[in-house]
């Protein structure tokens, strides 16, 4: 997400399952503060939602002295509010959820910034067809030696491959040995990409391809 950063649980799923990224989708996300009918802002003390939604609307929650309550997803938070009606509690969710679950909307578009975009990945079993603009994603681990990460990333830089994202995450069952998730522009079938990937396989201790897929150019969605 452009405001709250990575959804960490998604990285674990990419490691755990042998699926390939089919495409990326970038959505402009809006949130509404919703309550059971008859509830006013003065009645509220708590707001429940997914941690990402709470983080994306943190400024508004603080301004209204509302305590965040983490929930497994935004729609689930709205559904629970409609069914269980916990006292002094509202929910953060897309406006459609209020209509779906019979809730009143106290405030719309309460995300901290107007450029609240979230990137979603479509997963599947097959290699997707090439498009005009592609990205490649992978995860790798370095060998335990000085400048190992620098050497691995240098294989992309030396071939003019633009990295659009790099994120380090802990590696399960291997304390203090992080893995690095990387996105870069290009398709694995491109000559420069193949050269970089071949060299990365030689230098890294672990590499897992997550796929080459049709991607969205940032300027095409206004970011």
Protein backbone atom coordinates (compact mmCIF):
# COMPACT_ATOMS: atom_id res chain seq x y z
CA UNK A 1 0.00 0.00 0.00
CA UNK A 2 1.22 3.50 -0.85
CA UNK A 3 0.60 4.75 2.70
CA UNK A 4 0.99 1.80 5.09
CA UNK A 5 3.57 -0.27 3.22
CA UNK A 6 3.72 -4.01 2.72
CA UNK A 7 1.10 -6.55 3.78
CA UNK A 8 3.59 -8.85 5.46
CA UNK A 9 1.45 -11.98 5.49
CA UNK A 10 1.34 -11.95 1.69
CA UNK A 11 5.10 -12.51 1.53
CA UNK A 12 4.84 -15.69 3.60
CA UNK A 13 2.16 -17.03 1.27
CA UNK A 14 4.30 -16.36 -1.80
CA UNK A 15 7.06 -18.44 -0.20
CA UNK A 16 4.78 -21.25 0.97
CA UNK A 17 2.93 -21.95 -2.27
CA UNK A 18 4.23 -22.72 -5.76
CA UNK A 19 2.03 -20.26 -7.60
CA UNK A 20 3.02 -17.74 -10.24
CA UNK A 21 2.00 -14.10 -10.41
CA UNK A 22 -0.38 -13.64 -13.35
CA UNK A 23 -0.80 -9.86 -13.22
CA UNK A 24 -0.72 -6.88 -10.92
CA UNK A 25 -3.70 -4.63 -10.27
CA UNK A 26 -3.48 -1.23 -8.59
CA UNK A 27 -6.66 0.10 -6.98
CA UNK A 28 -7.49 3.49 -5.51
CA UNK A 29 -8.78 2.55 -2.05
CA UNK A 30 -11.35 4.59 -0.12
CA UNK A 31 -12.64 3.92 3.40
CA UNK A 32 -15.75 4.96 5.27
CA UNK A 33 -16.38 5.04 9.01
CA UNK A 34 -19.60 3.08 9.56
CA UNK A 35 -21.76 2.37 12.60
CA UNK A 36 -25.00 0.61 13.52
CA UNK A 37 -28.06 2.79 12.85
CA UNK A 38 -28.65 5.39 15.55
CA UNK A 39 -24.99 5.59 16.60
CA UNK A 40 -23.28 9.00 16.66
CA UNK A 41 -19.62 9.98 16.60
CA UNK A 42 -19.89 10.89 20.28
CA UNK A 43 -20.85 7.28 21.07
CA UNK A 44 -17.67 5.84 19.57
CA UNK A 45 -14.55 4.73 21.42
CA UNK A 46 -13.25 1.94 19.17
CA UNK A 47 -12.94 1.26 15.45
CA UNK A 48 -12.34 -2.24 14.10
CA UNK A 49 -10.80 -3.11 10.74
CA UNK A 50 -7.88 -4.81 9.03
CA UNK A 51 -4.52 -3.48 10.36
CA UNK A 52 -3.73 -2.03 6.93
CA UNK A 53 -6.96 -0.02 6.86
CA UNK A 54 -6.36 1.20 10.40
CA UNK A 55 -2.86 2.33 9.45
CA UNK A 56 -4.10 4.08 6.31
CA UNK A 57 -6.63 6.08 8.37
CA UNK A 58 -4.55 6.52 11.54
CA UNK A 59 -4.56 10.33 11.45
CA UNK A 60 -8.36 10.55 11.45
CA UNK A 61 -8.66 7.98 14.24
CA UNK A 62 -6.20 9.89 16.41
CA UNK A 63 -7.95 13.19 15.74
CA UNK A 64 -11.22 11.69 17.00
CA UNK A 65 -9.63 9.80 19.92
CA UNK A 66 -10.73 6.44 18.55
CA UNK A 67 -8.81 3.30 19.55
CA UNK A 68 -8.03 0.86 16.71
CA UNK A 69 -9.07 -2.79 17.02
CA UNK A 70 -7.41 -5.21 14.56
CA UNK A 71 -9.71 -7.47 12.52
CA UNK A 72 -8.99 -10.12 9.90
CA UNK A 73 -10.40 -8.03 7.05
CA UNK A 74 -12.40 -4.88 6.39
CA UNK A 75 -15.62 -6.54 5.22
CA UNK A 76 -15.47 -8.95 8.15
CA UNK A 77 -15.20 -6.03 10.56
CA UNK A 78 -18.33 -4.46 9.06
CA UNK A 79 -20.22 -7.77 9.11
CA UNK A 80 -19.35 -8.36 12.77
CA UNK A 81 -20.42 -4.83 13.65
CA UNK A 82 -23.78 -5.41 11.96
CA UNK A 83 -24.40 -8.79 13.62
CA UNK A 84 -22.84 -8.45 17.08
CA UNK A 85 -23.13 -4.67 17.59
CA UNK A 86 -20.26 -4.32 20.10
CA UNK A 87 -20.71 -1.24 22.29
CA UNK A 88 -19.07 2.07 21.37
CA UNK A 89 -17.61 0.53 18.21
CA UNK A 90 -17.50 1.46 14.55
CA UNK A 91 -15.81 -0.13 11.54
CA UNK A 92 -13.57 0.99 8.70
CA UNK A 93 -14.44 -0.57 5.36
CA UNK A 94 -15.19 0.35 1.75
CA UNK A 95 -18.50 2.27 1.51
CA UNK A 96 -20.20 -0.69 -0.22
CA UNK A 97 -19.93 -2.67 3.04
CA UNK A 98 -22.26 -0.22 4.80
CA UNK A 99 -24.91 -0.78 2.14
CA UNK A 100 -24.41 -4.55 2.25
CA UNK A 101 -24.66 -4.88 6.04
CA UNK A 102 -27.19 -2.16 6.83
CA UNK A 103 -24.82 0.27 8.54
CA UNK A 104 -24.82 4.06 8.61
CA UNK A 105 -21.83 6.00 7.26
CA UNK A 106 -20.53 8.74 9.57
CA UNK A 107 -17.62 9.82 7.35
CA UNK A 108 -16.32 8.99 3.87
CA UNK A 109 -12.84 9.09 2.34
CA UNK A 110 -11.09 9.22 5.71
CA UNK A 111 -7.81 7.74 4.49
CA UNK A 112 -4.85 9.94 5.50
CA UNK A 113 -3.90 10.92 1.94
CA UNK A 114 -5.80 11.03 -1.36
CA UNK A 115 -3.15 8.88 -3.11
CA UNK A 116 -4.15 5.76 -1.18
CA UNK A 117 -3.38 3.05 -3.74
CA UNK A 118 -2.98 -0.66 -3.03
CA UNK A 119 -1.24 -3.14 -5.29
CA UNK A 120 -2.84 -6.56 -5.63
CA UNK A 121 -1.39 -9.66 -7.32
CA UNK A 122 -3.38 -12.23 -9.27
CA UNK A 123 -1.93 -15.74 -8.77
CA UNK A 124 -2.23 -18.93 -10.82
CA UNK A 125 -0.44 -22.02 -12.04
CA UNK A 126 0.54 -21.01 -15.58
CA UNK A 127 2.97 -18.52 -17.08
CA UNK A 128 0.89 -15.54 -18.25
CA UNK A 129 1.33 -14.15 -21.77
CA UNK A 130 3.76 -11.32 -22.31
CA UNK A 131 2.44 -7.79 -22.57
CA UNK A 132 3.79 -4.43 -23.66
CA UNK A 133 5.00 -3.69 -20.12
CA UNK A 134 6.12 -6.53 -17.83
CA UNK A 135 7.58 -6.99 -14.39
CA UNK A 136 9.43 -9.93 -12.90
CA UNK A 137 9.29 -10.84 -9.21
CA UNK A 138 11.55 -13.19 -7.28
CA UNK A 139 12.83 -13.89 -3.79
CA UNK A 140 16.45 -14.68 -2.95
CA UNK A 141 18.87 -15.06 -0.06
CA UNK A 142 22.52 -14.05 -0.07
CA UNK A 143 25.58 -15.94 1.05
CA UNK A 144 27.04 -14.86 4.39
CA UNK A 145 29.93 -12.70 3.23
CA UNK A 146 30.71 -8.98 2.87
CA UNK A 147 28.99 -7.15 0.00
CA UNK A 148 26.89 -10.20 -0.92
CA UNK A 149 23.70 -8.18 -1.39
CA UNK A 150 25.57 -5.49 -3.32
CA UNK A 151 26.94 -8.13 -5.70
CA UNK A 152 23.53 -9.71 -6.28
CA UNK A 153 21.77 -6.43 -6.97
CA UNK A 154 24.65 -5.30 -9.15
CA UNK A 155 23.72 -7.95 -11.71
CA UNK A 156 20.51 -6.02 -12.37
CA UNK A 157 22.09 -2.55 -12.30
CA UNK A 158 24.92 -3.49 -14.67
CA UNK A 159 22.35 -4.58 -17.28
CA UNK A 160 20.12 -1.53 -16.96
CA UNK A 161 17.29 -3.42 -15.25
CA UNK A 162 15.23 -1.08 -13.09
CA UNK A 163 14.27 -2.42 -9.65
CA UNK A 164 10.83 -1.14 -8.66
CA UNK A 165 10.74 -2.78 -5.22
CA UNK A 166 12.99 -4.54 -2.73
CA UNK A 167 11.78 -5.80 0.64
CA UNK A 168 13.65 -7.84 3.23
CA UNK A 169 11.81 -10.38 5.35
CA UNK A 170 12.88 -12.90 8.02
CA UNK A 171 13.44 -16.41 6.74
CA UNK A 172 11.50 -19.08 8.58
CA UNK A 173 13.60 -21.57 10.56
CA UNK A 174 16.77 -19.59 9.75
CA UNK A 175 17.19 -16.79 12.29
CA UNK A 176 19.10 -13.72 11.09
CA UNK A 177 19.19 -14.99 7.50
CA UNK A 178 16.75 -12.69 5.67
CA UNK A 179 15.36 -13.16 2.21
CA UNK A 180 14.87 -10.32 -0.26
CA UNK A 181 11.78 -9.88 -2.41
CA UNK A 182 12.58 -8.01 -5.62
CA UNK A 183 10.46 -6.64 -8.46
CA UNK A 184 12.12 -5.35 -11.61
CA UNK A 185 11.01 -4.15 -15.02
CA UNK A 186 11.31 -6.72 -17.78
CA UNK A 187 10.40 -10.31 -18.65
CA UNK A 188 12.48 -13.36 -17.80
CA UNK A 189 12.68 -14.19 -21.51
CA UNK A 190 14.48 -10.91 -22.27
CA UNK A 191 18.20 -11.41 -22.88
CA UNK A 192 19.28 -8.95 -20.18
CA UNK A 193 16.94 -10.54 -17.65
CA UNK A 194 18.18 -14.04 -18.45
CA UNK A 195 21.78 -12.94 -17.98
CA UNK A 196 21.02 -11.28 -14.65
CA UNK A 197 19.05 -14.27 -13.39
CA UNK A 198 21.79 -16.70 -14.42
CA UNK A 199 24.37 -14.67 -12.52
CA UNK A 200 22.06 -14.35 -9.52
CA UNK A 201 21.70 -18.12 -9.36
CA UNK A 202 25.49 -18.35 -9.15
CA UNK A 203 25.85 -15.74 -6.42
CA UNK A 204 22.80 -16.25 -4.20
CA UNK A 205 22.28 -19.10 -1.75
CA UNK A 206 18.59 -19.38 -2.63
CA UNK A 207 16.40 -18.10 -5.49
CA UNK A 208 12.69 -18.61 -6.12
CA UNK A 209 11.00 -17.15 -9.19
CA UNK A 210 7.56 -15.67 -8.53
CA UNK A 211 6.82 -14.92 -12.17
CA UNK A 212 6.99 -12.49 -15.08
CA UNK A 213 3.64 -10.84 -15.68
CA UNK A 214 1.74 -7.90 -17.23
CA UNK A 215 2.27 -4.86 -15.02
CA UNK A 216 0.78 -1.41 -14.53
CA UNK A 217 2.83 1.67 -15.32
CA UNK A 218 2.66 4.06 -12.38
CA UNK A 219 1.74 7.09 -14.45
CA UNK A 220 -1.22 5.23 -15.95
CA UNK A 221 -3.01 5.23 -12.57
CA UNK A 222 -2.00 8.71 -11.53
CA UNK A 223 0.87 7.79 -9.21
